[in-house]
Amino acid sequence: MEHGSFTDNSVATFSLTDEDHTIANAVRFTLNQDPRVTFCGYSIPHPSEARVNIRVETTGDPAREVLKDACQNLMLMCRHVRCTFDKAVEDFKASNAVKAMKIDSQDSSGDDSEESE
């Protein structure tokens, strides 16, 4: 839900339901990276209420568009983190499989050397 001014669309407060500090802080961080944003902050009206209010003030661009851009940038960041994490897990599993094979081959070569002595 958007709470804004009819005369100035560069200033608005957006209410996100069923959200908390996790998404609000990430959106705030992303908005603050945008040079079009002059002010951004969020508040939670009451701890027992699952709602977040995000205030956006821009240099003149519509606050709604700036928020949309920030959310898209956040999605790209999350996608990058997920891909990086998945790749690291794959690399870790692959390297551990190789290490496990090397351990097995070292154990068998160690047994051979003891038997031949």
N, C-alpha and C. Protein backbone atom coordinates (compact mmCIF):
# COMPACT_ATOMS: atom_id res chain seq x y z
N MET A 1 0.85 -1.16 0.00
CA MET A 1 0.00 0.00 0.00
C MET A 1 0.90 1.23 0.00
N GLU A 2 0.54 2.18 -0.80
CA GLU A 2 1.33 3.40 -0.90
C GLU A 2 0.57 4.55 -0.25
N HIS A 3 1.28 5.27 0.63
CA HIS A 3 0.74 6.48 1.24
C HIS A 3 1.62 7.63 0.76
N GLY A 4 1.07 8.46 -0.08
CA GLY A 4 1.87 9.55 -0.62
C GLY A 4 1.04 10.79 -0.84
N SER A 5 1.66 11.74 -1.45
CA SER A 5 1.02 13.01 -1.74
C SER A 5 0.51 13.01 -3.18
N PHE A 6 -0.63 13.61 -3.40
CA PHE A 6 -1.14 13.73 -4.76
C PHE A 6 -0.38 14.78 -5.54
N THR A 7 0.23 15.72 -4.86
CA THR A 7 0.92 16.82 -5.54
C THR A 7 2.40 16.53 -5.78
N ASP A 8 3.02 15.72 -4.93
CA ASP A 8 4.46 15.44 -5.05
C ASP A 8 4.68 13.93 -5.02
N ASN A 9 4.91 13.34 -6.20
CA ASN A 9 5.09 11.89 -6.25
C ASN A 9 6.53 11.45 -5.96
N SER A 10 7.40 12.41 -5.61
CA SER A 10 8.78 12.06 -5.26
C SER A 10 8.92 11.69 -3.79
N VAL A 11 7.83 11.76 -3.06
CA VAL A 11 7.82 11.44 -1.63
C VAL A 11 6.67 10.49 -1.35
N ALA A 12 6.98 9.35 -0.71
CA ALA A 12 5.92 8.40 -0.40
C ALA A 12 6.35 7.47 0.72
N THR A 13 5.36 6.92 1.40
CA THR A 13 5.58 5.88 2.40
C THR A 13 4.84 4.64 1.91
N PHE A 14 5.53 3.52 1.92
CA PHE A 14 4.96 2.26 1.45
C PHE A 14 4.81 1.32 2.64
N SER A 15 3.65 0.70 2.77
CA SER A 15 3.40 -0.27 3.83
C SER A 15 3.46 -1.67 3.24
N LEU A 16 4.32 -2.49 3.79
CA LEU A 16 4.45 -3.88 3.37
C LEU A 16 3.90 -4.77 4.47
N THR A 17 2.89 -5.56 4.14
CA THR A 17 2.31 -6.44 5.15
C THR A 17 3.03 -7.79 5.15
N ASP A 18 2.96 -8.45 6.28
CA ASP A 18 3.60 -9.76 6.50
C ASP A 18 5.10 -9.71 6.27
N GLU A 19 5.72 -8.60 6.62
CA GLU A 19 7.17 -8.46 6.49
C GLU A 19 7.76 -7.93 7.80
N ASP A 20 9.10 -8.02 7.91
CA ASP A 20 9.76 -7.57 9.14
C ASP A 20 11.08 -6.89 8.80
N HIS A 21 11.98 -6.80 9.78
CA HIS A 21 13.26 -6.11 9.61
C HIS A 21 14.09 -6.71 8.47
N THR A 22 13.96 -8.00 8.22
CA THR A 22 14.81 -8.66 7.24
C THR A 22 14.68 -8.00 5.87
N ILE A 23 13.47 -7.93 5.36
CA ILE A 23 13.28 -7.34 4.03
C ILE A 23 13.40 -5.82 4.09
N ALA A 24 12.92 -5.21 5.16
CA ALA A 24 12.94 -3.75 5.26
C ALA A 24 14.37 -3.21 5.26
N ASN A 25 15.26 -3.85 5.99
CA ASN A 25 16.64 -3.38 6.04
C ASN A 25 17.34 -3.60 4.71
N ALA A 26 17.05 -4.71 4.04
CA ALA A 26 17.65 -4.97 2.74
C ALA A 26 17.17 -3.95 1.70
N VAL A 27 15.87 -3.63 1.71
CA VAL A 27 15.33 -2.64 0.78
C VAL A 27 15.90 -1.26 1.10
N ARG A 28 15.99 -0.93 2.37
CA ARG A 28 16.56 0.35 2.78
C ARG A 28 18.00 0.48 2.29
N PHE A 29 18.78 -0.57 2.47
CA PHE A 29 20.17 -0.56 2.02
C PHE A 29 20.25 -0.33 0.51
N THR A 30 19.43 -1.06 -0.23
CA THR A 30 19.43 -0.94 -1.69
C THR A 30 18.98 0.44 -2.13
N LEU A 31 17.96 0.97 -1.49
CA LEU A 31 17.50 2.33 -1.83
C LEU A 31 18.58 3.36 -1.56
N ASN A 32 19.30 3.21 -0.47
CA ASN A 32 20.34 4.19 -0.14
C ASN A 32 21.53 4.15 -1.10
N GLN A 33 21.65 3.08 -1.89
CA GLN A 33 22.70 3.01 -2.91
C GLN A 33 22.34 3.82 -4.16
N ASP A 34 21.07 4.17 -4.30
CA ASP A 34 20.57 4.87 -5.48
C ASP A 34 20.80 6.37 -5.32
N PRO A 35 21.49 7.01 -6.26
CA PRO A 35 21.75 8.45 -6.14
C PRO A 35 20.49 9.31 -6.24
N ARG A 36 19.39 8.74 -6.71
CA ARG A 36 18.13 9.49 -6.81
C ARG A 36 17.44 9.63 -5.45
N VAL A 37 17.89 8.86 -4.46
CA VAL A 37 17.25 8.86 -3.14
C VAL A 37 17.92 9.88 -2.24
N THR A 38 17.11 10.78 -1.68
CA THR A 38 17.63 11.76 -0.73
C THR A 38 17.42 11.30 0.71
N PHE A 39 16.38 10.51 0.93
CA PHE A 39 16.11 9.96 2.26
C PHE A 39 15.39 8.64 2.11
N CYS A 40 15.76 7.70 2.95
CA CYS A 40 15.06 6.42 3.01
C CYS A 40 15.19 5.88 4.43
N GLY A 41 14.10 5.40 4.95
CA GLY A 41 14.10 4.80 6.27
C GLY A 41 12.89 3.91 6.41
N TYR A 42 12.91 3.09 7.44
CA TYR A 42 11.75 2.24 7.67
C TYR A 42 11.42 2.19 9.15
N SER A 43 10.19 1.84 9.43
CA SER A 43 9.76 1.66 10.81
C SER A 43 8.76 0.51 10.86
N ILE A 44 8.69 -0.07 12.03
CA ILE A 44 7.69 -1.10 12.29
C ILE A 44 6.74 -0.49 13.31
N PRO A 45 5.47 -0.28 12.92
CA PRO A 45 4.54 0.45 13.78
C PRO A 45 4.37 -0.17 15.18
N HIS A 46 4.31 -1.49 15.24
CA HIS A 46 4.15 -2.17 16.52
C HIS A 46 4.76 -3.56 16.40
N PRO A 47 5.47 -4.03 17.43
CA PRO A 47 6.15 -5.33 17.34
C PRO A 47 5.21 -6.51 17.08
N SER A 48 3.97 -6.40 17.52
CA SER A 48 3.05 -7.53 17.31
C SER A 48 2.36 -7.46 15.96
N GLU A 49 2.61 -6.40 15.20
CA GLU A 49 1.99 -6.24 13.89
C GLU A 49 3.02 -6.55 12.81
N ALA A 50 2.71 -7.47 11.92
CA ALA A 50 3.64 -7.86 10.86
C ALA A 50 3.51 -6.89 9.68
N ARG A 51 3.98 -5.68 9.91
CA ARG A 51 3.90 -4.65 8.88
C ARG A 51 5.12 -3.75 8.99
N VAL A 52 5.59 -3.28 7.84
CA VAL A 52 6.75 -2.40 7.77
C VAL A 52 6.37 -1.19 6.94
N ASN A 53 6.74 -0.01 7.40
CA ASN A 53 6.55 1.22 6.63
C ASN A 53 7.91 1.67 6.13
N ILE A 54 8.02 1.85 4.82
CA ILE A 54 9.27 2.32 4.21
C ILE A 54 9.02 3.70 3.61
N ARG A 55 9.78 4.67 4.07
CA ARG A 55 9.66 6.05 3.60
C ARG A 55 10.73 6.30 2.55
N VAL A 56 10.32 6.85 1.40
CA VAL A 56 11.25 7.13 0.31
C VAL A 56 11.06 8.57 -0.13
N GLU A 57 12.16 9.32 -0.18
CA GLU A 57 12.17 10.68 -0.71
C GLU A 57 13.25 10.75 -1.77
N THR A 58 12.89 11.26 -2.95
CA THR A 58 13.82 11.27 -4.07
C THR A 58 14.14 12.69 -4.52
N THR A 59 15.06 12.78 -5.48
CA THR A 59 15.45 14.08 -6.02
C THR A 59 14.44 14.62 -7.02
N GLY A 60 13.40 13.87 -7.30
CA GLY A 60 12.38 14.31 -8.25
C GLY A 60 11.72 13.17 -8.99
N ASP A 61 12.41 12.05 -9.08
CA ASP A 61 11.82 10.88 -9.74
C ASP A 61 10.68 10.33 -8.88
N PRO A 62 9.71 9.67 -9.49
CA PRO A 62 8.61 9.09 -8.70
C PRO A 62 9.14 8.05 -7.70
N ALA A 63 8.74 8.20 -6.45
CA ALA A 63 9.20 7.30 -5.40
C ALA A 63 8.81 5.85 -5.70
N ARG A 64 7.66 5.66 -6.31
CA ARG A 64 7.21 4.30 -6.64
C ARG A 64 8.19 3.63 -7.61
N GLU A 65 8.63 4.36 -8.62
CA GLU A 65 9.56 3.80 -9.61
C GLU A 65 10.93 3.52 -8.98
N VAL A 66 11.36 4.40 -8.12
CA VAL A 66 12.65 4.21 -7.45
C VAL A 66 12.58 2.97 -6.55
N LEU A 67 11.47 2.78 -5.85
CA LEU A 67 11.30 1.59 -5.02
C LEU A 67 11.28 0.33 -5.88
N LYS A 68 10.59 0.36 -7.01
CA LYS A 68 10.57 -0.79 -7.92
C LYS A 68 11.98 -1.13 -8.39
N ASP A 69 12.75 -0.10 -8.77
CA ASP A 69 14.13 -0.33 -9.21
C ASP A 69 14.97 -0.94 -8.09
N ALA A 70 14.79 -0.45 -6.88
CA ALA A 70 15.54 -0.97 -5.74
C ALA A 70 15.19 -2.43 -5.49
N CYS A 71 13.92 -2.77 -5.61
CA CYS A 71 13.51 -4.17 -5.41
C CYS A 71 14.09 -5.07 -6.50
N GLN A 72 14.12 -4.57 -7.73
CA GLN A 72 14.73 -5.35 -8.81
C GLN A 72 16.23 -5.53 -8.57
N ASN A 73 16.90 -4.48 -8.12
CA ASN A 73 18.34 -4.59 -7.80
C ASN A 73 18.57 -5.57 -6.67
N LEU A 74 17.70 -5.56 -5.67
CA LEU A 74 17.82 -6.50 -4.56
C LEU A 74 17.63 -7.93 -5.04
N MET A 75 16.69 -8.14 -5.95
CA MET A 75 16.49 -9.48 -6.51
C MET A 75 17.73 -9.94 -7.26
N LEU A 76 18.36 -9.04 -8.01
CA LEU A 76 19.59 -9.39 -8.73
C LEU A 76 20.71 -9.74 -7.75
N MET A 77 20.82 -8.97 -6.68
CA MET A 77 21.84 -9.27 -5.67
C MET A 77 21.61 -10.64 -5.04
N CYS A 78 20.36 -10.93 -4.72
CA CYS A 78 20.02 -12.23 -4.12
C CYS A 78 20.32 -13.37 -5.09
N ARG A 79 20.00 -13.15 -6.36
CA ARG A 79 20.28 -14.17 -7.37
C ARG A 79 21.78 -14.41 -7.48
N HIS A 80 22.57 -13.33 -7.45
CA HIS A 80 24.03 -13.47 -7.53
C HIS A 80 24.57 -14.23 -6.31
N VAL A 81 24.08 -13.89 -5.13
CA VAL A 81 24.52 -14.57 -3.91
C VAL A 81 24.16 -16.05 -3.99
N ARG A 82 22.95 -16.35 -4.44
CA ARG A 82 22.51 -17.74 -4.54
C ARG A 82 23.37 -18.53 -5.52
N CYS A 83 23.65 -17.95 -6.69
CA CYS A 83 24.49 -18.63 -7.69
C CYS A 83 25.90 -18.85 -7.16
N THR A 84 26.45 -17.84 -6.50
CA THR A 84 27.78 -17.95 -5.93
C THR A 84 27.83 -19.04 -4.86
N PHE A 85 26.81 -19.07 -4.03
CA PHE A 85 26.74 -20.09 -2.97
C PHE A 85 26.61 -21.49 -3.58
N ASP A 86 25.71 -21.65 -4.55
CA ASP A 86 25.52 -22.95 -5.18
C ASP A 86 26.81 -23.43 -5.84
N LYS A 87 27.53 -22.52 -6.49
CA LYS A 87 28.80 -22.89 -7.12
C LYS A 87 29.82 -23.31 -6.08
N ALA A 88 29.88 -22.59 -4.96
CA ALA A 88 30.82 -22.95 -3.90
C ALA A 88 30.49 -24.31 -3.31
N VAL A 89 29.21 -24.62 -3.17
CA VAL A 89 28.81 -25.93 -2.64
C VAL A 89 29.22 -27.03 -3.62
N GLU A 90 28.98 -26.80 -4.92
CA GLU A 90 29.38 -27.78 -5.93
C GLU A 90 30.88 -28.00 -5.91
N ASP A 91 31.65 -26.91 -5.84
CA ASP A 91 33.11 -27.01 -5.80
C ASP A 91 33.56 -27.76 -4.55
N PHE A 92 32.92 -27.47 -3.43
CA PHE A 92 33.28 -28.13 -2.18
C PHE A 92 33.02 -29.63 -2.26
N LYS A 93 31.84 -29.98 -2.77
CA LYS A 93 31.50 -31.41 -2.90
C LYS A 93 32.45 -32.10 -3.85
N ALA A 94 32.79 -31.44 -4.95
CA ALA A 94 33.71 -32.04 -5.92
C ALA A 94 35.09 -32.22 -5.32
N SER A 95 35.58 -31.24 -4.59
CA SER A 95 36.92 -31.34 -4.00
C SER A 95 36.95 -32.38 -2.89
N ASN A 96 35.87 -32.52 -2.15
CA ASN A 96 35.83 -33.53 -1.10
C ASN A 96 35.74 -34.93 -1.69
N ALA A 97 35.09 -35.09 -2.82
CA ALA A 97 35.04 -36.39 -3.47
C ALA A 97 36.44 -36.78 -3.94
N VAL A 98 37.18 -35.83 -4.47
CA VAL A 98 38.55 -36.09 -4.90
C VAL A 98 39.42 -36.42 -3.69
N LYS A 99 39.27 -35.69 -2.61
CA LYS A 99 40.05 -35.96 -1.41
C LYS A 99 39.73 -37.33 -0.85
N ALA A 100 38.46 -37.71 -0.89
CA ALA A 100 38.07 -39.02 -0.39
C ALA A 100 38.70 -40.11 -1.24
N MET A 101 38.77 -39.90 -2.54
CA MET A 101 39.41 -40.88 -3.41
C MET A 101 40.90 -40.96 -3.11
N LYS A 102 41.53 -39.83 -2.89
CA LYS A 102 42.96 -39.82 -2.59
C LYS A 102 43.24 -40.50 -1.26
N ILE A 103 42.38 -40.33 -0.30
CA ILE A 103 42.56 -40.98 1.01
C ILE A 103 42.47 -42.49 0.84
N ASP A 104 41.49 -42.95 0.06
CA ASP A 104 41.35 -44.38 -0.18
C ASP A 104 42.58 -44.94 -0.88
N SER A 105 43.06 -44.23 -1.88
CA SER A 105 44.22 -44.72 -2.62
C SER A 105 45.48 -44.66 -1.75
N GLN A 106 45.59 -43.68 -0.86
CA GLN A 106 46.74 -43.61 0.04
C GLN A 106 46.69 -44.76 1.05
N ASP A 107 45.49 -45.09 1.53
CA ASP A 107 45.37 -46.19 2.49
C ASP A 107 45.79 -47.50 1.84
N SER A 108 45.37 -47.74 0.60
CA SER A 108 45.71 -48.99 -0.05
C SER A 108 47.19 -49.03 -0.41
N SER A 109 47.77 -47.89 -0.78
CA SER A 109 49.20 -47.88 -1.10
C SER A 109 50.02 -48.03 0.18
N GLY A 110 49.49 -47.51 1.29
CA GLY A 110 50.18 -47.68 2.56
C GLY A 110 50.18 -49.14 3.00
N ASP A 111 49.07 -49.86 2.73
CA ASP A 111 49.01 -51.27 3.08
C ASP A 111 49.98 -52.09 2.24
N ASP A 112 50.10 -51.75 0.95
CA ASP A 112 50.99 -52.47 0.06
C ASP A 112 52.44 -52.32 0.51
N SER A 113 52.80 -51.11 0.94
CA SER A 113 54.19 -50.90 1.34
C SER A 113 54.51 -51.64 2.61
N GLU A 114 53.55 -51.77 3.52
CA GLU A 114 53.81 -52.52 4.74
C GLU A 114 53.93 -54.02 4.46
N GLU A 115 53.10 -54.54 3.54
CA GLU A 115 53.13 -55.96 3.23
C GLU A 115 54.40 -56.32 2.50
N SER A 116 54.94 -55.45 1.66
CA SER A 116 56.12 -55.78 0.89
C SER A 116 57.37 -55.73 1.73
N GLU A 117 57.33 -55.05 2.89
CA GLU A 117 58.52 -54.95 3.73
C GLU A 117 58.67 -56.14 4.53
